[in-house]
Amino acid sequence: MTTSTRRHGEELEAAIRAAVLDLVRERGASAVTMEAVAARARTSKPVLYRRWPDRAALLRDALLAAATAAIPHADTGSYRGDMLAVLHGWADAMTGELAPVLVAVVAATAEDPELAAAFRDGVIGWRKEEMGELIARAVARGEVRPDVPVHLARELGQSLLWHRLLVSGDPIDDALVVEIVDEVLLPVVRAR
């Protein structure tokens, strides 16, 4: 690359993250090596190592960036609205071009403890924290009972979508999201 076309900062990092996701989508998580990503992103391995210490950190960063971009986490003002937004985001991710990446990463975690830790700590850990905050806001507004088991409530809706994506293959659509929120989540979190 000539100096005039060299990418820097966010542009370069976006190209690197896109290269990671493309490699996972095309050949699975094991295809993500520093060498392969550098080649795909048209950069060098030293550039990668200046930003990420290893493959696991690079994967975690790319997956977390994709998840945070795909899954809304703004306060809509209501528990129902928040859950609809979050689950619609997951549904879109699980039915769009991110779906093969999610499937490949989950499959690869069985054989790759480093990737499993990166996925659990980065992507899933981030979602647990975000969902905990979402539920705390709803408790403060009086929409969710204060004794709700947060460790279960924060995973319930997403678990149904993950099950469909990874196990049953049943359709994931907008109607399902509304049904999960209205028929499963709201009855679980409301005062008894």
N, C-alpha and C. Protein backbone atom coordinates (compact mmCIF):
# COMPACT_ATOMS: atom_id res chain seq x y z
N MET A 1 0.83 -1.18 0.00
CA MET A 1 0.00 0.00 0.00
C MET A 1 0.87 1.24 0.00
N THR A 2 0.47 2.22 -0.74
CA THR A 2 1.20 3.47 -0.70
C THR A 2 0.72 4.29 0.48
N THR A 3 1.54 5.24 0.86
CA THR A 3 1.21 6.07 2.00
C THR A 3 -0.11 6.79 1.80
N SER A 4 -0.44 7.20 0.60
CA SER A 4 -1.66 7.96 0.37
C SER A 4 -2.92 7.11 0.52
N THR A 5 -2.81 5.79 0.41
CA THR A 5 -4.00 4.95 0.55
C THR A 5 -4.00 4.17 1.86
N ARG A 6 -3.03 4.40 2.71
CA ARG A 6 -2.93 3.68 3.98
C ARG A 6 -4.10 4.07 4.88
N ARG A 7 -4.72 3.07 5.47
CA ARG A 7 -5.83 3.31 6.39
C ARG A 7 -5.31 3.42 7.81
N HIS A 8 -6.00 4.19 8.61
CA HIS A 8 -5.61 4.39 10.00
C HIS A 8 -6.84 4.36 10.88
N GLY A 9 -6.63 4.27 12.17
CA GLY A 9 -7.68 4.44 13.16
C GLY A 9 -8.89 3.56 12.93
N GLU A 10 -10.04 4.19 13.01
CA GLU A 10 -11.31 3.47 12.93
C GLU A 10 -11.50 2.77 11.59
N GLU A 11 -11.05 3.39 10.51
CA GLU A 11 -11.19 2.78 9.19
C GLU A 11 -10.42 1.46 9.11
N LEU A 12 -9.21 1.47 9.60
CA LEU A 12 -8.39 0.27 9.60
C LEU A 12 -9.00 -0.79 10.53
N GLU A 13 -9.39 -0.39 11.72
CA GLU A 13 -9.96 -1.35 12.67
C GLU A 13 -11.26 -1.96 12.13
N ALA A 14 -12.07 -1.16 11.46
CA ALA A 14 -13.30 -1.68 10.85
C ALA A 14 -12.97 -2.72 9.77
N ALA A 15 -11.94 -2.47 8.98
CA ALA A 15 -11.53 -3.42 7.94
C ALA A 15 -11.02 -4.72 8.57
N ILE A 16 -10.30 -4.59 9.67
CA ILE A 16 -9.78 -5.78 10.35
C ILE A 16 -10.93 -6.59 10.94
N ARG A 17 -11.85 -5.92 11.61
CA ARG A 17 -13.01 -6.64 12.20
C ARG A 17 -13.84 -7.30 11.10
N ALA A 18 -14.02 -6.62 9.99
CA ALA A 18 -14.77 -7.21 8.87
C ALA A 18 -14.05 -8.44 8.34
N ALA A 19 -12.73 -8.39 8.28
CA ALA A 19 -11.95 -9.55 7.82
C ALA A 19 -12.14 -10.73 8.76
N VAL A 20 -12.14 -10.48 10.06
CA VAL A 20 -12.36 -11.55 11.03
C VAL A 20 -13.73 -12.19 10.80
N LEU A 21 -14.77 -11.37 10.71
CA LEU A 21 -16.12 -11.91 10.52
C LEU A 21 -16.26 -12.66 9.20
N ASP A 22 -15.64 -12.14 8.15
CA ASP A 22 -15.69 -12.83 6.85
C ASP A 22 -15.02 -14.20 6.94
N LEU A 23 -13.88 -14.27 7.60
CA LEU A 23 -13.18 -15.55 7.74
C LEU A 23 -14.02 -16.55 8.53
N VAL A 24 -14.62 -16.09 9.62
CA VAL A 24 -15.47 -16.98 10.42
C VAL A 24 -16.66 -17.45 9.59
N ARG A 25 -17.29 -16.53 8.88
CA ARG A 25 -18.47 -16.86 8.07
C ARG A 25 -18.12 -17.87 6.97
N GLU A 26 -16.97 -17.69 6.35
CA GLU A 26 -16.59 -18.52 5.21
C GLU A 26 -15.99 -19.88 5.59
N ARG A 27 -15.13 -19.88 6.64
CA ARG A 27 -14.39 -21.11 6.93
C ARG A 27 -14.40 -21.52 8.40
N GLY A 28 -15.11 -20.76 9.23
CA GLY A 28 -15.17 -21.11 10.65
C GLY A 28 -14.14 -20.36 11.47
N ALA A 29 -14.32 -20.43 12.77
CA ALA A 29 -13.47 -19.67 13.68
C ALA A 29 -12.01 -20.09 13.62
N SER A 30 -11.74 -21.34 13.30
CA SER A 30 -10.35 -21.79 13.24
C SER A 30 -9.57 -21.11 12.11
N ALA A 31 -10.28 -20.54 11.16
CA ALA A 31 -9.62 -19.85 10.05
C ALA A 31 -9.06 -18.49 10.47
N VAL A 32 -9.47 -18.02 11.63
CA VAL A 32 -9.02 -16.71 12.10
C VAL A 32 -7.64 -16.86 12.75
N THR A 33 -6.64 -16.52 11.97
CA THR A 33 -5.27 -16.44 12.47
C THR A 33 -4.80 -15.02 12.20
N MET A 34 -3.77 -14.62 12.88
CA MET A 34 -3.25 -13.27 12.65
C MET A 34 -2.81 -13.11 11.20
N GLU A 35 -2.21 -14.15 10.65
CA GLU A 35 -1.74 -14.10 9.26
C GLU A 35 -2.92 -13.97 8.28
N ALA A 36 -3.96 -14.78 8.50
CA ALA A 36 -5.12 -14.75 7.59
C ALA A 36 -5.85 -13.42 7.67
N VAL A 37 -6.00 -12.90 8.87
CA VAL A 37 -6.69 -11.61 9.03
C VAL A 37 -5.87 -10.49 8.39
N ALA A 38 -4.57 -10.50 8.60
CA ALA A 38 -3.72 -9.47 8.00
C ALA A 38 -3.84 -9.50 6.48
N ALA A 39 -3.82 -10.69 5.90
CA ALA A 39 -3.93 -10.82 4.44
C ALA A 39 -5.29 -10.32 3.96
N ARG A 40 -6.34 -10.75 4.65
CA ARG A 40 -7.70 -10.37 4.24
C ARG A 40 -7.93 -8.88 4.38
N ALA A 41 -7.40 -8.28 5.43
CA ALA A 41 -7.60 -6.85 5.68
C ALA A 41 -6.58 -5.98 4.95
N ARG A 42 -5.64 -6.63 4.25
CA ARG A 42 -4.60 -5.93 3.52
C ARG A 42 -3.79 -5.01 4.45
N THR A 43 -3.32 -5.64 5.51
CA THR A 43 -2.45 -4.94 6.45
C THR A 43 -1.35 -5.90 6.86
N SER A 44 -0.65 -5.62 7.93
CA SER A 44 0.44 -6.50 8.34
C SER A 44 0.16 -7.08 9.73
N LYS A 45 0.83 -8.19 10.03
CA LYS A 45 0.69 -8.80 11.35
C LYS A 45 1.16 -7.84 12.45
N PRO A 46 2.25 -7.11 12.28
CA PRO A 46 2.64 -6.17 13.33
C PRO A 46 1.54 -5.14 13.65
N VAL A 47 0.80 -4.72 12.62
CA VAL A 47 -0.31 -3.79 12.85
C VAL A 47 -1.35 -4.45 13.74
N LEU A 48 -1.63 -5.72 13.49
CA LEU A 48 -2.60 -6.44 14.33
C LEU A 48 -2.09 -6.56 15.76
N TYR A 49 -0.85 -6.98 15.90
CA TYR A 49 -0.29 -7.19 17.24
C TYR A 49 -0.16 -5.90 18.05
N ARG A 50 -0.11 -4.76 17.37
CA ARG A 50 -0.09 -3.50 18.11
C ARG A 50 -1.45 -3.23 18.77
N ARG A 51 -2.49 -3.79 18.18
CA ARG A 51 -3.83 -3.54 18.70
C ARG A 51 -4.37 -4.69 19.56
N TRP A 52 -4.02 -5.91 19.20
CA TRP A 52 -4.53 -7.11 19.88
C TRP A 52 -3.36 -8.03 20.20
N PRO A 53 -3.26 -8.50 21.44
CA PRO A 53 -2.11 -9.32 21.81
C PRO A 53 -2.11 -10.70 21.18
N ASP A 54 -3.31 -11.19 20.81
CA ASP A 54 -3.39 -12.55 20.27
C ASP A 54 -4.71 -12.75 19.53
N ARG A 55 -4.85 -13.91 18.96
CA ARG A 55 -6.04 -14.28 18.18
C ARG A 55 -7.30 -14.19 19.02
N ALA A 56 -7.27 -14.65 20.26
CA ALA A 56 -8.46 -14.63 21.12
C ALA A 56 -8.93 -13.20 21.35
N ALA A 57 -8.02 -12.29 21.61
CA ALA A 57 -8.39 -10.89 21.83
C ALA A 57 -8.98 -10.29 20.56
N LEU A 58 -8.40 -10.63 19.42
CA LEU A 58 -8.92 -10.13 18.15
C LEU A 58 -10.32 -10.67 17.88
N LEU A 59 -10.51 -11.96 18.08
CA LEU A 59 -11.85 -12.55 17.90
C LEU A 59 -12.86 -11.93 18.85
N ARG A 60 -12.50 -11.83 20.12
CA ARG A 60 -13.40 -11.27 21.12
C ARG A 60 -13.79 -9.85 20.73
N ASP A 61 -12.82 -9.05 20.31
CA ASP A 61 -13.09 -7.67 19.92
C ASP A 61 -14.03 -7.61 18.71
N ALA A 62 -13.76 -8.41 17.71
CA ALA A 62 -14.60 -8.39 16.49
C ALA A 62 -16.01 -8.85 16.81
N LEU A 63 -16.14 -9.90 17.62
CA LEU A 63 -17.47 -10.41 17.97
C LEU A 63 -18.23 -9.43 18.85
N LEU A 64 -17.54 -8.83 19.80
CA LEU A 64 -18.18 -7.86 20.67
C LEU A 64 -18.62 -6.63 19.89
N ALA A 65 -17.79 -6.18 18.96
CA ALA A 65 -18.16 -5.04 18.13
C ALA A 65 -19.39 -5.37 17.29
N ALA A 66 -19.44 -6.58 16.73
CA ALA A 66 -20.61 -6.98 15.93
C ALA A 66 -21.85 -7.07 16.81
N ALA A 67 -21.71 -7.66 18.00
CA ALA A 67 -22.86 -7.80 18.90
C ALA A 67 -23.36 -6.44 19.38
N THR A 68 -22.45 -5.56 19.77
CA THR A 68 -22.89 -4.26 20.27
C THR A 68 -23.52 -3.43 19.17
N ALA A 69 -23.10 -3.63 17.93
CA ALA A 69 -23.72 -2.92 16.82
C ALA A 69 -25.08 -3.50 16.48
N ALA A 70 -25.24 -4.81 16.66
CA ALA A 70 -26.48 -5.48 16.26
C ALA A 70 -27.57 -5.43 17.33
N ILE A 71 -27.18 -5.41 18.59
CA ILE A 71 -28.16 -5.53 19.66
C ILE A 71 -28.35 -4.19 20.34
N PRO A 72 -29.57 -3.63 20.23
CA PRO A 72 -29.83 -2.33 20.87
C PRO A 72 -29.69 -2.42 22.39
N HIS A 73 -29.23 -1.35 23.00
CA HIS A 73 -29.14 -1.34 24.44
C HIS A 73 -29.54 0.01 25.03
N ALA A 74 -30.23 0.81 24.25
CA ALA A 74 -30.71 2.09 24.75
C ALA A 74 -31.98 1.87 25.57
N ASP A 75 -32.22 2.75 26.50
CA ASP A 75 -33.42 2.70 27.34
C ASP A 75 -34.60 3.24 26.54
N THR A 76 -35.58 2.39 26.29
CA THR A 76 -36.78 2.82 25.55
C THR A 76 -37.82 3.44 26.47
N GLY A 77 -37.63 3.29 27.78
CA GLY A 77 -38.59 3.84 28.74
C GLY A 77 -39.51 2.81 29.34
N SER A 78 -39.48 1.58 28.83
CA SER A 78 -40.31 0.52 29.41
C SER A 78 -39.60 -0.82 29.27
N TYR A 79 -39.90 -1.71 30.20
CA TYR A 79 -39.32 -3.05 30.14
C TYR A 79 -39.75 -3.74 28.84
N ARG A 80 -41.02 -3.66 28.51
CA ARG A 80 -41.51 -4.30 27.29
C ARG A 80 -40.79 -3.74 26.07
N GLY A 81 -40.68 -2.43 25.98
CA GLY A 81 -40.00 -1.81 24.85
C GLY A 81 -38.53 -2.20 24.78
N ASP A 82 -37.87 -2.21 25.94
CA ASP A 82 -36.46 -2.62 25.97
C ASP A 82 -36.30 -4.05 25.48
N MET A 83 -37.15 -4.96 25.99
CA MET A 83 -37.02 -6.37 25.61
C MET A 83 -37.36 -6.59 24.14
N LEU A 84 -38.37 -5.88 23.64
CA LEU A 84 -38.67 -5.99 22.21
C LEU A 84 -37.47 -5.54 21.38
N ALA A 85 -36.85 -4.43 21.77
CA ALA A 85 -35.69 -3.92 21.01
C ALA A 85 -34.54 -4.92 21.06
N VAL A 86 -34.22 -5.42 22.25
CA VAL A 86 -33.11 -6.36 22.40
C VAL A 86 -33.37 -7.64 21.60
N LEU A 87 -34.55 -8.21 21.78
CA LEU A 87 -34.83 -9.48 21.09
C LEU A 87 -34.99 -9.31 19.59
N HIS A 88 -35.51 -8.16 19.15
CA HIS A 88 -35.53 -7.90 17.69
C HIS A 88 -34.10 -7.81 17.16
N GLY A 89 -33.20 -7.19 17.94
CA GLY A 89 -31.81 -7.13 17.53
C GLY A 89 -31.19 -8.51 17.41
N TRP A 90 -31.42 -9.36 18.43
CA TRP A 90 -30.91 -10.73 18.37
C TRP A 90 -31.54 -11.48 17.19
N ALA A 91 -32.85 -11.32 16.99
CA ALA A 91 -33.52 -12.02 15.89
C ALA A 91 -32.93 -11.60 14.55
N ASP A 92 -32.69 -10.30 14.39
CA ASP A 92 -32.08 -9.82 13.14
C ASP A 92 -30.68 -10.41 12.95
N ALA A 93 -29.91 -10.45 14.05
CA ALA A 93 -28.56 -11.02 13.96
C ALA A 93 -28.61 -12.51 13.62
N MET A 94 -29.60 -13.20 14.16
CA MET A 94 -29.69 -14.65 13.97
C MET A 94 -30.33 -15.05 12.66
N THR A 95 -30.88 -14.08 11.95
CA THR A 95 -31.47 -14.39 10.65
C THR A 95 -30.77 -13.66 9.50
N GLY A 96 -29.81 -12.82 9.84
CA GLY A 96 -29.10 -12.04 8.83
C GLY A 96 -27.72 -12.60 8.54
N GLU A 97 -26.85 -11.74 8.04
CA GLU A 97 -25.51 -12.20 7.66
C GLU A 97 -24.62 -12.52 8.85
N LEU A 98 -25.01 -12.12 10.04
CA LEU A 98 -24.24 -12.47 11.24
C LEU A 98 -24.55 -13.90 11.71
N ALA A 99 -25.67 -14.48 11.27
CA ALA A 99 -26.08 -15.81 11.72
C ALA A 99 -25.00 -16.88 11.52
N PRO A 100 -24.40 -17.00 10.34
CA PRO A 100 -23.37 -18.03 10.19
C PRO A 100 -22.17 -17.81 11.10
N VAL A 101 -21.87 -16.56 11.41
CA VAL A 101 -20.77 -16.26 12.32
C VAL A 101 -21.12 -16.77 13.72
N LEU A 102 -22.33 -16.48 14.17
CA LEU A 102 -22.76 -16.93 15.50
C LEU A 102 -22.72 -18.45 15.59
N VAL A 103 -23.25 -19.13 14.59
CA VAL A 103 -23.26 -20.60 14.59
C VAL A 103 -21.83 -21.14 14.59
N ALA A 104 -20.98 -20.59 13.75
CA ALA A 104 -19.59 -21.07 13.66
C ALA A 104 -18.84 -20.85 14.96
N VAL A 105 -19.05 -19.71 15.58
CA VAL A 105 -18.34 -19.43 16.83
C VAL A 105 -18.82 -20.36 17.93
N VAL A 106 -20.13 -20.54 18.06
CA VAL A 106 -20.64 -21.43 19.10
C VAL A 106 -20.14 -22.85 18.86
N ALA A 107 -20.15 -23.30 17.62
CA ALA A 107 -19.65 -24.65 17.32
C ALA A 107 -18.17 -24.78 17.66
N ALA A 108 -17.40 -23.75 17.37
CA ALA A 108 -15.96 -23.80 17.60
C ALA A 108 -15.60 -23.74 19.08
N THR A 109 -16.48 -23.19 19.90
CA THR A 109 -16.15 -23.09 21.33
C THR A 109 -15.99 -24.46 21.98
N ALA A 110 -16.62 -25.48 21.42
CA ALA A 110 -16.49 -26.83 21.98
C ALA A 110 -15.06 -27.35 21.84
N GLU A 111 -14.35 -26.93 20.82
CA GLU A 111 -13.00 -27.42 20.56
C GLU A 111 -11.90 -26.41 20.90
N ASP A 112 -12.30 -25.18 21.18
CA ASP A 112 -11.32 -24.11 21.36
C ASP A 112 -11.60 -23.37 22.67
N PRO A 113 -10.97 -23.79 23.77
CA PRO A 113 -11.22 -23.15 25.06
C PRO A 113 -10.90 -21.65 25.08
N GLU A 114 -9.89 -21.26 24.32
CA GLU A 114 -9.53 -19.85 24.25
C GLU A 114 -10.66 -19.04 23.60
N LEU A 115 -11.22 -19.56 22.52
CA LEU A 115 -12.34 -18.90 21.86
C LEU A 115 -13.57 -18.93 22.77
N ALA A 116 -13.80 -20.05 23.44
CA ALA A 116 -14.95 -20.16 24.34
C ALA A 116 -14.88 -19.08 25.42
N ALA A 117 -13.70 -18.90 25.99
CA ALA A 117 -13.54 -17.88 27.02
C ALA A 117 -13.75 -16.49 26.44
N ALA A 118 -13.21 -16.24 25.26
CA ALA A 118 -13.37 -14.93 24.62
C ALA A 118 -14.83 -14.65 24.33
N PHE A 119 -15.56 -15.64 23.84
CA PHE A 119 -16.98 -15.47 23.51
C PHE A 119 -17.80 -15.26 24.79
N ARG A 120 -17.55 -16.10 25.79
CA ARG A 120 -18.31 -15.99 27.04
C ARG A 120 -18.02 -14.69 27.78
N ASP A 121 -16.74 -14.34 27.86
CA ASP A 121 -16.38 -13.14 28.61
C ASP A 121 -16.74 -11.87 27.84
N GLY A 122 -16.48 -11.87 26.54
CA GLY A 122 -16.71 -10.68 25.75
C GLY A 122 -18.16 -10.50 25.36
N VAL A 123 -18.69 -11.37 24.54
CA VAL A 123 -20.03 -11.20 23.99
C VAL A 123 -21.10 -11.53 25.02
N ILE A 124 -21.05 -12.72 25.59
CA ILE A 124 -22.09 -13.13 26.53
C ILE A 124 -21.97 -12.32 27.82
N GLY A 125 -20.77 -12.09 28.29
CA GLY A 125 -20.58 -11.29 29.50
C GLY A 125 -21.12 -9.88 29.34
N TRP A 126 -20.86 -9.27 28.19
CA TRP A 126 -21.39 -7.93 27.91
C TRP A 126 -22.90 -7.95 27.95
N ARG A 127 -23.53 -8.96 27.34
CA ARG A 127 -25.00 -9.03 27.31
C ARG A 127 -25.56 -9.24 28.71
N LYS A 128 -24.92 -10.05 29.53
CA LYS A 128 -25.41 -10.25 30.90
C LYS A 128 -25.41 -8.93 31.66
N GLU A 129 -24.34 -8.18 31.51
CA GLU A 129 -24.25 -6.89 32.19
C GLU A 129 -25.33 -5.93 31.69
N GLU A 130 -25.48 -5.84 30.38
CA GLU A 130 -26.50 -4.97 29.79
C GLU A 130 -27.90 -5.38 30.24
N MET A 131 -28.17 -6.68 30.23
CA MET A 131 -29.50 -7.16 30.63
C MET A 131 -29.74 -6.92 32.11
N GLY A 132 -28.72 -7.06 32.93
CA GLY A 132 -28.86 -6.75 34.35
C GLY A 132 -29.25 -5.30 34.57
N GLU A 133 -28.62 -4.40 33.82
CA GLU A 133 -28.95 -2.97 33.91
C GLU A 133 -30.37 -2.70 33.41
N LEU A 134 -30.77 -3.36 32.34
CA LEU A 134 -32.12 -3.21 31.80
C LEU A 134 -33.15 -3.63 32.85
N ILE A 135 -32.92 -4.74 33.50
CA ILE A 135 -33.86 -5.23 34.52
C ILE A 135 -33.85 -4.30 35.73
N ALA A 136 -32.69 -3.81 36.13
CA ALA A 136 -32.63 -2.88 37.26
C ALA A 136 -33.43 -1.61 36.97
N ARG A 137 -33.36 -1.11 35.74
CA ARG A 137 -34.17 0.07 35.38
C ARG A 137 -35.66 -0.24 35.49
N ALA A 138 -36.04 -1.44 35.04
CA ALA A 138 -37.45 -1.83 35.09
C ALA A 138 -37.93 -2.01 36.52
N VAL A 139 -37.07 -2.53 37.39
CA VAL A 139 -37.42 -2.66 38.81
C VAL A 139 -37.61 -1.26 39.39
N ALA A 140 -36.71 -0.33 39.08
CA ALA A 140 -36.81 1.03 39.59
C ALA A 140 -38.09 1.73 39.13
N ARG A 141 -38.56 1.39 37.92
CA ARG A 141 -39.80 1.99 37.41
C ARG A 141 -41.03 1.27 37.94
N GLY A 142 -40.85 0.17 38.64
CA GLY A 142 -41.98 -0.58 39.19
C GLY A 142 -42.61 -1.55 38.19
N GLU A 143 -41.95 -1.79 37.07
CA GLU A 143 -42.50 -2.69 36.05
C GLU A 143 -42.13 -4.15 36.30
N VAL A 144 -41.06 -4.36 37.03
CA VAL A 144 -40.55 -5.70 37.30
C VAL A 144 -40.46 -5.85 38.82
N ARG A 145 -40.89 -6.98 39.32
CA ARG A 145 -40.86 -7.21 40.77
C ARG A 145 -39.42 -7.23 41.26
N PRO A 146 -39.19 -6.66 42.43
CA PRO A 146 -37.82 -6.54 42.93
C PRO A 146 -37.15 -7.88 43.23
N ASP A 147 -37.94 -8.94 43.45
CA ASP A 147 -37.35 -10.23 43.79
C ASP A 147 -37.18 -11.15 42.57
N VAL A 148 -37.30 -10.57 41.37
CA VAL A 148 -37.16 -11.39 40.16
C VAL A 148 -35.75 -12.00 40.13
N PRO A 149 -35.63 -13.27 39.78
CA PRO A 149 -34.29 -13.87 39.68
C PRO A 149 -33.58 -13.34 38.42
N VAL A 150 -32.80 -12.30 38.61
CA VAL A 150 -32.15 -11.61 37.50
C VAL A 150 -31.31 -12.57 36.66
N HIS A 151 -30.62 -13.49 37.31
CA HIS A 151 -29.76 -14.43 36.58
C HIS A 151 -30.56 -15.29 35.60
N LEU A 152 -31.84 -15.48 35.83
CA LEU A 152 -32.70 -16.22 34.89
C LEU A 152 -33.40 -15.27 33.93
N ALA A 153 -33.96 -14.20 34.46
CA ALA A 153 -34.73 -13.26 33.64
C ALA A 153 -33.90 -12.64 32.53
N ARG A 154 -32.61 -12.41 32.79
CA ARG A 154 -31.78 -11.75 31.78
C ARG A 154 -31.46 -12.67 30.61
N GLU A 155 -31.63 -13.97 30.77
CA GLU A 155 -31.27 -14.92 29.72
C GLU A 155 -32.47 -15.59 29.05
N LEU A 156 -33.63 -15.47 29.65
CA LEU A 156 -34.78 -16.26 29.21
C LEU A 156 -35.16 -16.02 27.74
N GLY A 157 -35.39 -14.79 27.36
CA GLY A 157 -35.81 -14.52 25.99
C GLY A 157 -34.76 -14.89 24.95
N GLN A 158 -33.52 -14.52 25.25
CA GLN A 158 -32.44 -14.83 24.32
C GLN A 158 -32.23 -16.33 24.19
N SER A 159 -32.42 -17.05 25.29
CA SER A 159 -32.23 -18.51 25.26
C SER A 159 -33.18 -19.18 24.27
N LEU A 160 -34.39 -18.68 24.21
CA LEU A 160 -35.34 -19.25 23.26
C LEU A 160 -34.88 -19.02 21.81
N LEU A 161 -34.35 -17.83 21.55
CA LEU A 161 -33.85 -17.55 20.20
C LEU A 161 -32.62 -18.39 19.88
N TRP A 162 -31.68 -18.48 20.83
CA TRP A 162 -30.48 -19.30 20.61
C TRP A 162 -30.87 -20.76 20.36
N HIS A 163 -31.86 -21.26 21.08
CA HIS A 163 -32.31 -22.65 20.89
C HIS A 163 -32.81 -22.84 19.46
N ARG A 164 -33.57 -21.91 18.98
CA ARG A 164 -34.06 -22.03 17.61
C ARG A 164 -32.93 -21.95 16.59
N LEU A 165 -31.97 -21.07 16.84
CA LEU A 165 -30.85 -20.94 15.91
C LEU A 165 -29.98 -22.19 15.90
N LEU A 166 -29.65 -22.70 17.07
CA LEU A 166 -28.65 -23.76 17.17
C LEU A 166 -29.20 -25.18 17.27
N VAL A 167 -30.43 -25.34 17.73
CA VAL A 167 -30.94 -26.68 17.99
C VAL A 167 -32.12 -27.04 17.10
N SER A 168 -33.23 -26.33 17.23
CA SER A 168 -34.45 -26.76 16.55
C SER A 168 -34.52 -26.33 15.09
N GLY A 169 -33.91 -25.19 14.77
CA GLY A 169 -34.02 -24.67 13.40
C GLY A 169 -35.38 -24.06 13.10
N ASP A 170 -36.23 -23.95 14.12
CA ASP A 170 -37.54 -23.33 13.90
C ASP A 170 -37.36 -21.86 13.55
N PRO A 171 -38.35 -21.29 12.86
CA PRO A 171 -38.21 -19.91 12.39
C PRO A 171 -38.05 -18.90 13.53
N ILE A 172 -37.30 -17.87 13.24
CA ILE A 172 -37.14 -16.73 14.13
C ILE A 172 -37.66 -15.53 13.36
N ASP A 173 -38.72 -14.90 13.89
CA ASP A 173 -39.29 -13.74 13.21
C ASP A 173 -39.85 -12.76 14.21
N ASP A 174 -40.38 -11.65 13.71
CA ASP A 174 -40.91 -10.59 14.57
C ASP A 174 -42.06 -11.08 15.44
N ALA A 175 -42.93 -11.89 14.88
CA ALA A 175 -44.07 -12.40 15.66
C ALA A 175 -43.59 -13.23 16.85
N LEU A 176 -42.55 -14.01 16.65
CA LEU A 176 -41.99 -14.81 17.74
C LEU A 176 -41.45 -13.89 18.83
N VAL A 177 -40.77 -12.84 18.47
CA VAL A 177 -40.21 -11.92 19.45
C VAL A 177 -41.33 -11.33 20.31
N VAL A 178 -42.39 -10.87 19.68
CA VAL A 178 -43.52 -10.30 20.43
C VAL A 178 -44.13 -11.35 21.35
N GLU A 179 -44.28 -12.56 20.85
CA GLU A 179 -44.85 -13.64 21.66
C GLU A 179 -43.96 -13.97 22.87
N ILE A 180 -42.65 -14.01 22.67
CA ILE A 180 -41.74 -14.28 23.78
C ILE A 180 -41.87 -13.20 24.84
N VAL A 181 -41.89 -11.94 24.41
CA VAL A 181 -41.97 -10.84 25.38
C VAL A 181 -43.32 -10.86 26.11
N ASP A 182 -44.42 -10.95 25.36
CA ASP A 182 -45.74 -10.83 25.96
C ASP A 182 -46.22 -12.08 26.70
N GLU A 183 -45.85 -13.25 26.21
CA GLU A 183 -46.38 -14.49 26.78
C GLU A 183 -45.40 -15.21 27.72
N VAL A 184 -44.12 -14.87 27.65
CA VAL A 184 -43.14 -15.52 28.51
C VAL A 184 -42.51 -14.53 29.48
N LEU A 185 -41.86 -13.50 28.96
CA LEU A 185 -41.10 -12.61 29.81
C LEU A 185 -41.96 -11.76 30.75
N LEU A 186 -42.98 -11.09 30.21
CA LEU A 186 -43.79 -10.23 31.06
C LEU A 186 -44.46 -11.00 32.19
N PRO A 187 -45.07 -12.16 31.95
CA PRO A 187 -45.65 -12.90 33.07
C PRO A 187 -44.61 -13.32 34.12
N VAL A 188 -43.39 -13.60 33.72
CA VAL A 188 -42.36 -14.04 34.66
C VAL A 188 -41.90 -12.90 35.58
N VAL A 189 -41.79 -11.71 35.04
CA VAL A 189 -41.20 -10.61 35.83
C VAL A 189 -42.20 -9.76 36.59
N ARG A 190 -43.47 -9.88 36.28
CA ARG A 190 -44.47 -9.05 36.96
C ARG A 190 -44.76 -9.56 38.35
N ALA A 191 -45.29 -8.65 39.17
CA ALA A 191 -45.63 -9.02 40.55
C ALA A 191 -46.62 -10.16 40.57
N ARG A 192 -46.42 -11.04 41.54
CA ARG A 192 -47.31 -12.20 41.64
C ARG A 192 -48.52 -11.88 42.46
